[in-house]
PDB file of N, CA and C in Angstrom:
ATOM      1  N   UNK A   1      73.027 100.887 106.701  1.00  0.00           N
ATOM      2  CA  UNK A   1      72.277  99.848 106.027  1.00  0.00           C
ATOM      3  C   UNK A   1      72.027  98.690 106.982  1.00  0.00           C
ATOM      4  N   UNK A   2      71.038  97.901 106.654  1.00  0.00           N
ATOM      5  CA  UNK A   2      70.746  96.703 107.450  1.00  0.00           C
ATOM      6  C   UNK A   2      71.263  95.491 106.701  1.00  0.00           C
ATOM      7  N   UNK A   3      72.067  94.678 107.388  1.00  0.00           N
ATOM      8  CA  UNK A   3      72.497  93.405 106.825  1.00  0.00           C
ATOM      9  C   UNK A   3      71.523  92.350 107.329  1.00  0.00           C
ATOM     10  N   UNK A   4      70.851  91.705 106.393  1.00  0.00           N
ATOM     11  CA  UNK A   4      69.896  90.661 106.745  1.00  0.00           C
ATOM     12  C   UNK A   4      70.619  89.315 106.722  1.00  0.00           C
ATOM     13  N   UNK A   5      70.205  88.410 107.606  1.00  0.00           N
ATOM     14  CA  UNK A   5      70.855  87.103 107.700  1.00  0.00           C
ATOM     15  C   UNK A   5      69.905  86.003 107.254  1.00  0.00           C
ATOM     16  N   UNK A   6      70.409  84.783 107.291  1.00  0.00           N
ATOM     17  CA  UNK A   6      69.589  83.626 106.920  1.00  0.00           C
ATOM     18  C   UNK A   6      68.492  83.376 107.957  1.00  0.00           C
ATOM     19  N   UNK A   7      68.712  83.870 109.175  1.00  0.00           N
ATOM     20  CA  UNK A   7      67.667  83.817 110.202  1.00  0.00           C
ATOM     21  C   UNK A   7      66.988  85.179 110.199  1.00  0.00           C
ATOM     22  N   UNK A   8      66.261  85.512 111.219  1.00  0.00           N
ATOM     23  CA  UNK A   8      65.590  86.820 111.254  1.00  0.00           C
ATOM     24  C   UNK A   8      66.496  87.922 111.821  1.00  0.00           C
ATOM     25  N   UNK A   9      67.705  87.550 112.203  1.00  0.00           N
ATOM     26  CA  UNK A   9      68.644  88.506 112.778  1.00  0.00           C
ATOM     27  C   UNK A   9      69.080  89.539 111.735  1.00  0.00           C
ATOM     28  N   UNK A  10      69.250  90.791 112.193  1.00  0.00           N
ATOM     29  CA  UNK A  10      69.735  91.865 111.319  1.00  0.00           C
ATOM     30  C   UNK A  10      70.813  92.642 112.063  1.00  0.00           C
ATOM     31  N   UNK A  11      71.715  93.245 111.287  1.00  0.00           N
ATOM     32  CA  UNK A  11      72.739  94.107 111.858  1.00  0.00           C
ATOM     33  C   UNK A  11      72.661  95.451 111.170  1.00  0.00           C
ATOM     34  N   UNK A  12      72.377  96.487 111.948  1.00  0.00           N
ATOM     35  CA  UNK A  12      72.356  97.855 111.425  1.00  0.00           C
ATOM     36  C   UNK A  12      73.799  98.341 111.428  1.00  0.00           C
ATOM     37  N   UNK A  13      74.304  98.763 110.262  1.00  0.00           N
ATOM     38  CA  UNK A  13      75.716  99.083 110.137  1.00  0.00           C
ATOM     39  C   UNK A  13      75.921 100.294 109.240  1.00  0.00           C
ATOM     40  N   UNK A  14      76.751 101.230 109.709  1.00  0.00           N
ATOM     41  CA  UNK A  14      77.179 102.349 108.880  1.00  0.00           C
ATOM     42  C   UNK A  14      78.354 101.833 108.048  1.00  0.00           C
ATOM     43  N   UNK A  15      78.183 101.718 106.736  1.00  0.00           N
ATOM     44  CA  UNK A  15      79.218 101.136 105.887  1.00  0.00           C
ATOM     45  C   UNK A  15      80.526 101.920 105.921  1.00  0.00           C
ATOM     46  N   UNK A  16      80.470 103.210 106.247  1.00  0.00           N
ATOM     47  CA  UNK A  16      81.702 104.003 106.356  1.00  0.00           C
ATOM     48  C   UNK A  16      82.569 103.530 107.517  1.00  0.00           C
ATOM     49  N   UNK A  17      81.957 102.870 108.501  1.00  0.00           N
ATOM     50  CA  UNK A  17      82.675 102.392 109.690  1.00  0.00           C
ATOM     51  C   UNK A  17      83.148 100.946 109.549  1.00  0.00           C
ATOM     52  N   UNK A  18      82.692 100.259 108.501  1.00  0.00           N
ATOM     53  CA  UNK A  18      83.078  98.871 108.276  1.00  0.00           C
ATOM     54  C   UNK A  18      84.579  98.780 108.030  1.00  0.00           C
ATOM     55  N   UNK A  19      85.246  97.782 108.640  1.00  0.00           N
ATOM     56  CA  UNK A  19      86.655  97.512 108.348  1.00  0.00           C
ATOM     57  C   UNK A  19      86.726  96.334 107.379  1.00  0.00           C
ATOM     58  N   UNK A  20      86.173  95.192 107.785  1.00  0.00           N
ATOM     59  CA  UNK A  20      86.138  94.040 106.891  1.00  0.00           C
ATOM     60  C   UNK A  20      85.071  93.050 107.332  1.00  0.00           C
ATOM     61  N   UNK A  21      84.774  92.112 106.439  1.00  0.00           N
ATOM     62  CA  UNK A  21      83.886  90.991 106.730  1.00  0.00           C
ATOM     63  C   UNK A  21      84.645  89.736 106.326  1.00  0.00           C
ATOM     64  N   UNK A  22      84.665  88.760 107.209  1.00  0.00           N
ATOM     65  CA  UNK A  22      85.397  87.516 106.972  1.00  0.00           C
ATOM     66  C   UNK A  22      84.437  86.330 106.971  1.00  0.00           C
ATOM     67  N   UNK A  23      84.571  85.472 105.966  1.00  0.00           N
ATOM     68  CA  UNK A  23      83.762  84.253 105.902  1.00  0.00           C
ATOM     69  C   UNK A  23      84.275  83.244 106.914  1.00  0.00           C
ATOM     70  N   UNK A  24      83.352  82.619 107.624  1.00  0.00           N
ATOM     71  CA  UNK A  24      83.669  81.534 108.551  1.00  0.00           C
ATOM     72  C   UNK A  24      82.618  80.459 108.362  1.00  0.00           C
ATOM     73  N   UNK A  25      82.855  79.592 107.369  1.00  0.00           N
ATOM     74  CA  UNK A  25      81.919  78.569 106.939  1.00  0.00           C
ATOM     75  C   UNK A  25      80.585  79.223 106.570  1.00  0.00           C
ATOM     76  N   UNK A  26      79.475  78.881 107.218  1.00  0.00           N
ATOM     77  CA  UNK A  26      78.187  79.482 106.861  1.00  0.00           C
ATOM     78  C   UNK A  26      77.877  80.737 107.671  1.00  0.00           C
ATOM     79  N   UNK A  27      78.885  81.263 108.329  1.00  0.00           N
ATOM     80  CA  UNK A  27      78.755  82.499 109.093  1.00  0.00           C
ATOM     81  C   UNK A  27      79.681  83.549 108.506  1.00  0.00           C
ATOM     82  N   UNK A  28      79.452  84.794 108.892  1.00  0.00           N
ATOM     83  CA  UNK A  28      80.337  85.874 108.489  1.00  0.00           C
ATOM     84  C   UNK A  28      80.653  86.721 109.714  1.00  0.00           C
ATOM     85  N   UNK A  29      81.929  87.027 109.896  1.00  0.00           N
ATOM     86  CA  UNK A  29      82.385  87.867 111.002  1.00  0.00           C
ATOM     87  C   UNK A  29      82.506  89.298 110.481  1.00  0.00           C
ATOM     88  N   UNK A  30      81.666  90.183 110.995  1.00  0.00           N
ATOM     89  CA  UNK A  30      81.648  91.576 110.575  1.00  0.00           C
ATOM     90  C   UNK A  30      82.438  92.375 111.613  1.00  0.00           C
ATOM     91  N   UNK A  31      83.414  93.162 111.149  1.00  0.00           N
ATOM     92  CA  UNK A  31      84.268  93.944 112.039  1.00  0.00           C
ATOM     93  C   UNK A  31      84.159  95.413 111.628  1.00  0.00           C
ATOM     94  N   UNK A  32      83.835  96.282 112.609  1.00  0.00           N
ATOM     95  CA  UNK A  32      83.655  97.701 112.308  1.00  0.00           C
ATOM     96  C   UNK A  32      84.116  98.557 113.485  1.00  0.00           C
ATOM     97  N   UNK A  33      84.253  99.852 113.205  1.00  0.00           N
ATOM     98  CA  UNK A  33      84.640 100.828 114.224  1.00  0.00           C
ATOM     99  C   UNK A  33      83.392 101.487 114.788  1.00  0.00           C
ATOM    100  N   UNK A  34      83.413 101.703 116.084  1.00  0.00           N
ATOM    101  CA  UNK A  34      82.369 102.495 116.721  1.00  0.00           C
ATOM    102  C   UNK A  34      83.079 103.401 117.709  1.00  0.00           C
ATOM    103  N   UNK A  35      83.170 104.674 117.373  1.00  0.00           N
ATOM    104  CA  UNK A  35      83.990 105.586 118.166  1.00  0.00           C
ATOM    105  C   UNK A  35      85.440 105.181 118.004  1.00  0.00           C
ATOM    106  N   UNK A  36      86.123 104.919 119.105  1.00  0.00           N
ATOM    107  CA  UNK A  36      87.520 104.481 119.024  1.00  0.00           C
ATOM    108  C   UNK A  36      87.668 102.992 119.319  1.00  0.00           C
ATOM    109  N   UNK A  37      86.549 102.259 119.299  1.00  0.00           N
ATOM    110  CA  UNK A  37      86.585 100.815 119.586  1.00  0.00           C
ATOM    111  C   UNK A  37      86.307 100.006 118.323  1.00  0.00           C
ATOM    112  N   UNK A  38      86.934  98.849 118.248  1.00  0.00           N
ATOM    113  CA  UNK A  38      86.663  97.911 117.162  1.00  0.00           C
ATOM    114  C   UNK A  38      85.671  96.879 117.691  1.00  0.00           C
ATOM    115  N   UNK A  39      84.537  96.754 117.007  1.00  0.00           N
ATOM    116  CA  UNK A  39      83.510  95.796 117.407  1.00  0.00           C
ATOM    117  C   UNK A  39      83.388  94.719 116.342  1.00  0.00           C
ATOM    118  N   UNK A  40      82.916  93.555 116.737  1.00  0.00           N
ATOM    119  CA  UNK A  40      82.684  92.500 115.770  1.00  0.00           C
ATOM    120  C   UNK A  40      81.462  91.689 116.150  1.00  0.00           C
ATOM    121  N   UNK A  41      80.842  91.103 115.127  1.00  0.00           N
ATOM    122  CA  UNK A  41      79.659  90.271 115.347  1.00  0.00           C
ATOM    123  C   UNK A  41      79.685  89.130 114.339  1.00  0.00           C
ATOM    124  N   UNK A  42      79.357  87.951 114.819  1.00  0.00           N
ATOM    125  CA  UNK A  42      79.261  86.780 113.963  1.00  0.00           C
ATOM    126  C   UNK A  42      77.805  86.633 113.527  1.00  0.00           C
ATOM    127  N   UNK A  43      77.585  86.664 112.226  1.00  0.00           N
ATOM    128  CA  UNK A  43      76.229  86.595 111.691  1.00  0.00           C
ATOM    129  C   UNK A  43      76.003  85.276 110.961  1.00  0.00           C
ATOM    130  N   UNK A  44      74.813  84.698 111.108  1.00  0.00           N
ATOM    131  CA  UNK A  44      74.494  83.466 110.386  1.00  0.00           C
ATOM    132  C   UNK A  44      74.114  83.773 108.940  1.00  0.00           C
ATOM    133  N   UNK A  45      75.116  84.150 108.150  1.00  0.00           N
ATOM    134  CA  UNK A  45      74.904  84.479 106.739  1.00  0.00           C
ATOM    135  C   UNK A  45      76.210  84.228 105.994  1.00  0.00           C
ATOM    136  N   UNK A  46      76.112  83.784 104.757  1.00  0.00           N
ATOM    137  CA  UNK A  46      77.318  83.560 103.968  1.00  0.00           C
ATOM    138  C   UNK A  46      77.873  84.905 103.492  1.00  0.00           C
ATOM    139  N   UNK A  47      79.147  84.905 103.168  1.00  0.00           N
ATOM    140  CA  UNK A  47      79.782  86.117 102.654  1.00  0.00           C
ATOM    141  C   UNK A  47      79.110  86.555 101.359  1.00  0.00           C
ATOM    142  N   UNK A  48      78.753  85.603 100.531  1.00  0.00           N
ATOM    143  CA  UNK A  48      78.081  85.907  99.252  1.00  0.00           C
ATOM    144  C   UNK A  48      76.739  86.597  99.489  1.00  0.00           C
ATOM    145  N   UNK A  49      75.961  86.123 100.464  1.00  0.00           N
ATOM    146  CA  UNK A  49      74.655  86.753 100.706  1.00  0.00           C
ATOM    147  C   UNK A  49      74.823  88.184 101.224  1.00  0.00           C
ATOM    148  N   UNK A  50      75.858  88.423 102.019  1.00  0.00           N
ATOM    149  CA  UNK A  50      76.116  89.794 102.493  1.00  0.00           C
ATOM    150  C   UNK A  50      76.622  90.652 101.344  1.00  0.00           C
ATOM    151  N   UNK A  51      77.534  90.103 100.542  1.00  0.00           N
ATOM    152  CA  UNK A  51      78.070  90.848  99.390  1.00  0.00           C
ATOM    153  C   UNK A  51      76.943  91.294  98.459  1.00  0.00           C
ATOM    154  N   UNK A  52      75.959  90.431  98.247  1.00  0.00           N
ATOM    155  CA  UNK A  52      74.830  90.760  97.371  1.00  0.00           C
ATOM    156  C   UNK A  52      73.970  91.895  97.931  1.00  0.00           C
ATOM    157  N   UNK A  53      73.998  92.110  99.245  1.00  0.00           N
ATOM    158  CA  UNK A  53      73.192  93.166  99.864  1.00  0.00           C
ATOM    159  C   UNK A  53      73.882  94.529  99.839  1.00  0.00           C
ATOM    160  N   UNK A  54      75.210  94.527  99.733  1.00  0.00           N
ATOM    161  CA  UNK A  54      75.973  95.778  99.841  1.00  0.00           C
ATOM    162  C   UNK A  54      76.113  96.420  98.466  1.00  0.00           C
ATOM    163  N   UNK A  55      75.634  97.654  98.357  1.00  0.00           N
ATOM    164  CA  UNK A  55      75.791  98.416  97.125  1.00  0.00           C
ATOM    165  C   UNK A  55      76.602  99.658  97.495  1.00  0.00           C
ATOM    166  N   UNK A  56      77.925  99.534  97.374  1.00  0.00           N
ATOM    167  CA  UNK A  56      78.820 100.628  97.734  1.00  0.00           C
ATOM    168  C   UNK A  56      80.143 100.394  97.014  1.00  0.00           C
ATOM    169  N   UNK A  57      80.594 101.378  96.236  1.00  0.00           N
ATOM    170  CA  UNK A  57      81.802 101.194  95.434  1.00  0.00           C
ATOM    171  C   UNK A  57      83.067 101.056  96.279  1.00  0.00           C
ATOM    172  N   UNK A  58      83.019 101.453  97.552  1.00  0.00           N
ATOM    173  CA  UNK A  58      84.189 101.362  98.426  1.00  0.00           C
ATOM    174  C   UNK A  58      84.288 100.019  99.148  1.00  0.00           C
ATOM    175  N   UNK A  59      83.251  99.207  99.080  1.00  0.00           N
ATOM    176  CA  UNK A  59      83.231  97.901  99.742  1.00  0.00           C
ATOM    177  C   UNK A  59      83.470  96.840  98.664  1.00  0.00           C
ATOM    178  N   UNK A  60      84.615  96.146  98.755  1.00  0.00           N
ATOM    179  CA  UNK A  60      85.022  95.216  97.704  1.00  0.00           C
ATOM    180  C   UNK A  60      85.379  93.843  98.250  1.00  0.00           C
ATOM    181  N   UNK A  61      85.150  92.841  97.443  1.00  0.00           N
ATOM    182  CA  UNK A  61      85.626  91.493  97.746  1.00  0.00           C
ATOM    183  C   UNK A  61      87.089  91.458  97.315  1.00  0.00           C
ATOM    184  N   UNK A  62      87.994  91.107  98.225  1.00  0.00           N
ATOM    185  CA  UNK A  62      89.418  91.076  97.896  1.00  0.00           C
ATOM    186  C   UNK A  62      89.975  89.655  97.913  1.00  0.00           C
ATOM    187  N   UNK A  63      89.167  88.713  98.379  1.00  0.00           N
ATOM    188  CA  UNK A  63      89.612  87.333  98.548  1.00  0.00           C
ATOM    189  C   UNK A  63      88.341  86.502  98.702  1.00  0.00           C
ATOM    190  N   UNK A  64      88.434  85.199  98.474  1.00  0.00           N
ATOM    191  CA  UNK A  64      87.211  84.393  98.597  1.00  0.00           C
ATOM    192  C   UNK A  64      86.629  84.426  99.997  1.00  0.00           C
ATOM    193  N   UNK A  65      87.450  84.781 100.993  1.00  0.00           N
ATOM    194  CA  UNK A  65      86.982  84.813 102.384  1.00  0.00           C
ATOM    195  C   UNK A  65      86.858  86.216 102.976  1.00  0.00           C
ATOM    196  N   UNK A  66      87.112  87.277 102.190  1.00  0.00           N
ATOM    197  CA  UNK A  66      87.119  88.620 102.761  1.00  0.00           C
ATOM    198  C   UNK A  66      86.481  89.662 101.858  1.00  0.00           C
ATOM    199  N   UNK A  67      85.751  90.558 102.510  1.00  0.00           N
ATOM    200  CA  UNK A  67      85.265  91.793 101.900  1.00  0.00           C
ATOM    201  C   UNK A  67      85.873  92.917 102.732  1.00  0.00           C
ATOM    202  N   UNK A  68      86.389  93.957 102.070  1.00  0.00           N
ATOM    203  CA  UNK A  68      87.014  95.065 102.800  1.00  0.00           C
ATOM    204  C   UNK A  68      86.363  96.394 102.441  1.00  0.00           C
ATOM    205  N   UNK A  69      86.567  97.371 103.314  1.00  0.00           N
ATOM    206  CA  UNK A  69      86.205  98.757 103.038  1.00  0.00           C
ATOM    207  C   UNK A  69      87.488  99.456 102.615  1.00  0.00           C
ATOM    208  N   UNK A  70      87.571  99.882 101.359  1.00  0.00           N
ATOM    209  CA  UNK A  70      88.809 100.488 100.856  1.00  0.00           C
ATOM    210  C   UNK A  70      89.111 101.830 101.527  1.00  0.00           C
ATOM    211  N   UNK A  71      88.142 102.424 102.198  1.00  0.00           N
ATOM    212  CA  UNK A  71      88.350 103.714 102.883  1.00  0.00           C
ATOM    213  C   UNK A  71      88.945 103.553 104.285  1.00  0.00           C
ATOM    214  N   UNK A  72      89.208 102.309 104.724  1.00  0.00           N
ATOM    215  CA  UNK A  72      89.726 102.065 106.073  1.00  0.00           C
ATOM    216  C   UNK A  72      91.148 102.579 106.248  1.00  0.00           C
ATOM    217  N   UNK A  73      91.904 102.701 105.167  1.00  0.00           N
ATOM    218  CA  UNK A  73      93.287 103.142 105.277  1.00  0.00           C
ATOM    219  C   UNK A  73      94.227 101.977 105.495  1.00  0.00           C
ATOM    220  N   UNK A  74      94.059 100.946 104.692  1.00  0.00           N
ATOM    221  CA  UNK A  74      94.921  99.775 104.776  1.00  0.00           C
ATOM    222  C   UNK A  74      96.308 100.079 104.220  1.00  0.00           C
ATOM    223  N   UNK A  75      97.319  99.445 104.796  1.00  0.00           N
ATOM    224  CA  UNK A  75      98.671  99.461 104.259  1.00  0.00           C
ATOM    225  C   UNK A  75      98.818  98.185 103.439  1.00  0.00           C
ATOM    226  N   UNK A  76      99.406  98.315 102.245  1.00  0.00           N
ATOM    227  CA  UNK A  76      99.572  97.167 101.366  1.00  0.00           C
ATOM    228  C   UNK A  76     100.939  96.545 101.642  1.00  0.00           C
ATOM    229  N   UNK A  77     100.940  95.263 101.966  1.00  0.00           N
ATOM    230  CA  UNK A  77     102.179  94.523 102.207  1.00  0.00           C
ATOM    231  C   UNK A  77     102.372  93.506 101.089  1.00  0.00           C
ATOM    232  N   UNK A  78     103.618  93.111 100.829  1.00  0.00           N
ATOM    233  CA  UNK A  78     103.891  92.071  99.852  1.00  0.00           C
ATOM    234  C   UNK A  78     104.024  92.622  98.453  1.00  0.00           C
ATOM    235  N   UNK A  79     103.923  91.712  97.479  1.00  0.00           N
ATOM    236  CA  UNK A  79     104.044  92.085  96.070  1.00  0.00           C
ATOM    237  C   UNK A  79     103.026  91.284  95.268  1.00  0.00           C
ATOM    238  N   UNK A  80     103.155  91.333  93.939  1.00  0.00           N
ATOM    239  CA  UNK A  80     102.155  90.680  93.097  1.00  0.00           C
ATOM    240  C   UNK A  80     102.095  89.168  93.308  1.00  0.00           C
ATOM    241  N   UNK A  81     103.100  88.590  93.962  1.00  0.00           N
ATOM    242  CA  UNK A  81     103.047  87.160  94.287  1.00  0.00           C
ATOM    243  C   UNK A  81     102.187  86.883  95.510  1.00  0.00           C
ATOM    244  N   UNK A  82     101.810  87.904  96.237  1.00  0.00           N
ATOM    245  CA  UNK A  82     100.980  87.707  97.421  1.00  0.00           C
ATOM    246  C   UNK A  82     100.834  88.985  98.220  1.00  0.00           C
ATOM    247  N   UNK A  83      99.809  89.768  97.908  1.00  0.00           N
ATOM    248  CA  UNK A  83      99.534  90.990  98.664  1.00  0.00           C
ATOM    249  C   UNK A  83      98.763  90.651  99.926  1.00  0.00           C
ATOM    250  N   UNK A  84      98.982  91.452 100.964  1.00  0.00           N
ATOM    251  CA  UNK A  84      98.210  91.361 102.205  1.00  0.00           C
ATOM    252  C   UNK A  84      97.926  92.792 102.647  1.00  0.00           C
ATOM    253  N   UNK A  85      96.865  92.957 103.404  1.00  0.00           N
ATOM    254  CA  UNK A  85      96.485  94.282 103.899  1.00  0.00           C
ATOM    255  C   UNK A  85      96.634  94.326 105.405  1.00  0.00           C
ATOM    256  N   UNK A  86      97.111  95.459 105.900  1.00  0.00           N
ATOM    257  CA  UNK A  86      97.285  95.673 107.341  1.00  0.00           C
ATOM    258  C   UNK A  86      96.620  96.995 107.694  1.00  0.00           C
ATOM    259  N   UNK A  87      95.984  97.016 108.845  1.00  0.00           N
ATOM    260  CA  UNK A  87      95.360  98.244 109.341  1.00  0.00           C
ATOM    261  C   UNK A  87      95.769  98.441 110.787  1.00  0.00           C
ATOM    262  N   UNK A  88      95.883  99.686 111.202  1.00  0.00           N
ATOM    263  CA  UNK A  88      96.216  99.987 112.584  1.00  0.00           C
ATOM    264  C   UNK A  88      95.100  99.613 113.547  1.00  0.00           C
ATOM    265  N   UNK A  89      93.900  99.369 113.029  1.00  0.00           N
ATOM    266  CA  UNK A  89      92.750  99.055 113.875  1.00  0.00           C
ATOM    267  C   UNK A  89      92.691  97.590 114.276  1.00  0.00           C
ATOM    268  N   UNK A  90      93.321  96.709 113.486  1.00  0.00           N
ATOM    269  CA  UNK A  90      93.221  95.269 113.726  1.00  0.00           C
ATOM    270  C   UNK A  90      94.605  94.637 113.736  1.00  0.00           C
ATOM    271  N   UNK A  91      94.747  93.508 114.424  1.00  0.00           N
ATOM    272  CA  UNK A  91      96.052  92.852 114.516  1.00  0.00           C
ATOM    273  C   UNK A  91      96.309  91.895 113.349  1.00  0.00           C
ATOM    274  N   UNK A  92      95.261  91.343 112.763  1.00  0.00           N
ATOM    275  CA  UNK A  92      95.457  90.377 111.688  1.00  0.00           C
ATOM    276  C   UNK A  92      95.719  91.071 110.358  1.00  0.00           C
ATOM    277  N   UNK A  93      96.337  90.346 109.427  1.00  0.00           N
ATOM    278  CA  UNK A  93      96.465  90.857 108.063  1.00  0.00           C
ATOM    279  C   UNK A  93      95.419  90.148 107.211  1.00  0.00           C
ATOM    280  N   UNK A  94      95.006  90.814 106.155  1.00  0.00           N
ATOM    281  CA  UNK A  94      93.958  90.303 105.279  1.00  0.00           C
ATOM    282  C   UNK A  94      94.575  89.980 103.925  1.00  0.00           C
ATOM    283  N   UNK A  95      94.403  88.750 103.449  1.00  0.00           N
ATOM    284  CA  UNK A  95      94.988  88.383 102.154  1.00  0.00           C
ATOM    285  C   UNK A  95      94.196  88.976 100.983  1.00  0.00           C
ATOM    286  N   UNK A  96      94.900  89.159  99.880  1.00  0.00           N
ATOM    287  CA  UNK A  96      94.258  89.544  98.619  1.00  0.00           C
ATOM    288  C   UNK A  96      94.523  88.414  97.645  1.00  0.00           C
ATOM    289  N   UNK A  97      93.489  87.940  96.968  1.00  0.00           N
ATOM    290  CA  UNK A  97      93.701  86.843  96.019  1.00  0.00           C
ATOM    291  C   UNK A  97      94.549  87.342  94.857  1.00  0.00           C
ATOM    292  N   UNK A  98      95.356  86.463  94.303  1.00  0.00           N
ATOM    293  CA  UNK A  98      96.256  86.847  93.209  1.00  0.00           C
ATOM    294  C   UNK A  98      95.485  87.380  92.014  1.00  0.00           C
ATOM    295  N   UNK A  99      94.334  86.786  91.729  1.00  0.00           N
ATOM    296  CA  UNK A  99      93.566  87.206  90.553  1.00  0.00           C
ATOM    297  C   UNK A  99      93.033  88.633  90.694  1.00  0.00           C
ATOM    298  N   UNK A 100      92.841  89.097  91.931  1.00  0.00           N
ATOM    299  CA  UNK A 100      92.306  90.445  92.162  1.00  0.00           C
ATOM    300  C   UNK A 100      93.380  91.443  92.597  1.00  0.00           C
ATOM    301  N   UNK A 101      94.613  90.977  92.791  1.00  0.00           N
ATOM    302  CA  UNK A 101      95.675  91.789  93.387  1.00  0.00           C
ATOM    303  C   UNK A 101      95.847  93.171  92.789  1.00  0.00           C
ATOM    304  N   UNK A 102      96.084  93.248  91.486  1.00  0.00           N
ATOM    305  CA  UNK A 102      96.358  94.546  90.850  1.00  0.00           C
ATOM    306  C   UNK A 102      95.169  95.493  90.958  1.00  0.00           C
ATOM    307  N   UNK A 103      93.966  94.955  90.750  1.00  0.00           N
ATOM    308  CA  UNK A 103      92.754  95.787  90.806  1.00  0.00           C
ATOM    309  C   UNK A 103      92.532  96.339  92.215  1.00  0.00           C
ATOM    310  N   UNK A 104      92.684  95.496  93.239  1.00  0.00           N
ATOM    311  CA  UNK A 104      92.472  95.932  94.628  1.00  0.00           C
ATOM    312  C   UNK A 104      93.522  96.960  95.020  1.00  0.00           C
ATOM    313  N   UNK A 105      94.786  96.715  94.675  1.00  0.00           N
ATOM    314  CA  UNK A 105      95.859  97.663  95.013  1.00  0.00           C
ATOM    315  C   UNK A 105      95.572  99.017  94.349  1.00  0.00           C
ATOM    316  N   UNK A 106      95.129  99.000  93.096  1.00  0.00           N
ATOM    317  CA  UNK A 106      94.805 100.255  92.395  1.00  0.00           C
ATOM    318  C   UNK A 106      93.670 100.997  93.121  1.00  0.00           C
ATOM    319  N   UNK A 107      92.612 100.255  93.474  1.00  0.00           N
ATOM    320  CA  UNK A 107      91.478 100.887  94.177  1.00  0.00           C
ATOM    321  C   UNK A 107      91.904 101.466  95.526  1.00  0.00           C
ATOM    322  N   UNK A 108      92.752 100.728  96.259  1.00  0.00           N
ATOM    323  CA  UNK A 108      93.218 101.224  97.558  1.00  0.00           C
ATOM    324  C   UNK A 108      94.056 102.495  97.396  1.00  0.00           C
ATOM    325  N   UNK A 109      94.869 102.545  96.380  1.00  0.00           N
ATOM    326  CA  UNK A 109      95.676 103.753  96.147  1.00  0.00           C
ATOM    327  C   UNK A 109      94.804 104.932  95.753  1.00  0.00           C
ATOM    328  N   UNK A 110      93.725 104.677  95.010  1.00  0.00           N
ATOM    329  CA  UNK A 110      92.777 105.743  94.646  1.00  0.00           C
ATOM    330  C   UNK A 110      92.042 106.259  95.881  1.00  0.00           C
ATOM    331  N   UNK A 111      91.744 105.378  96.826  1.00  0.00           N
ATOM    332  CA  UNK A 111      90.954 105.739  98.013  1.00  0.00           C
ATOM    333  C   UNK A 111      91.743 106.567  99.014  1.00  0.00           C
ATOM    334  N   UNK A 112      93.070 106.404  99.010  1.00  0.00           N
ATOM    335  CA  UNK A 112      93.882 107.102 100.016  1.00  0.00           C
ATOM    336  C   UNK A 112      94.338 108.450  99.566  1.00  0.00           C
TER     337      UNK A 112
END
C-alpha cells in the first residue's frame, strides 16, 4: 500500500513487513523489515492520518503514540497494570495503553 503524507511524499509499504509506527509530534516514524534489515522513515504525517489510510485487521493502534502489526511476533511483557511489547527485531519496547490492554493482548495471542 501507499502511505500518503501531508506533503506530496509517499511511502510504498508491504503491510506484512511493517513492525510499528510511532508518533513524533506532527511526524510519524515508520519501522519495517526488508529482508533481514530493519528500515525506518520519518514521514510528515500524523499517526491519525496514517491510521485512517490503513485497512488491515492485523494493524492496530495499541497506544496513543503507536500502531503495531500484530503478526510481527511481539512478546508481551508486564501485566494489566502496564503491558509492553518486545520484538527481536527492535531494541525498544512499545507501550500498550491500559484502556486497550486486554483487547491487544487477546489479538496478539490469536495472531501467534
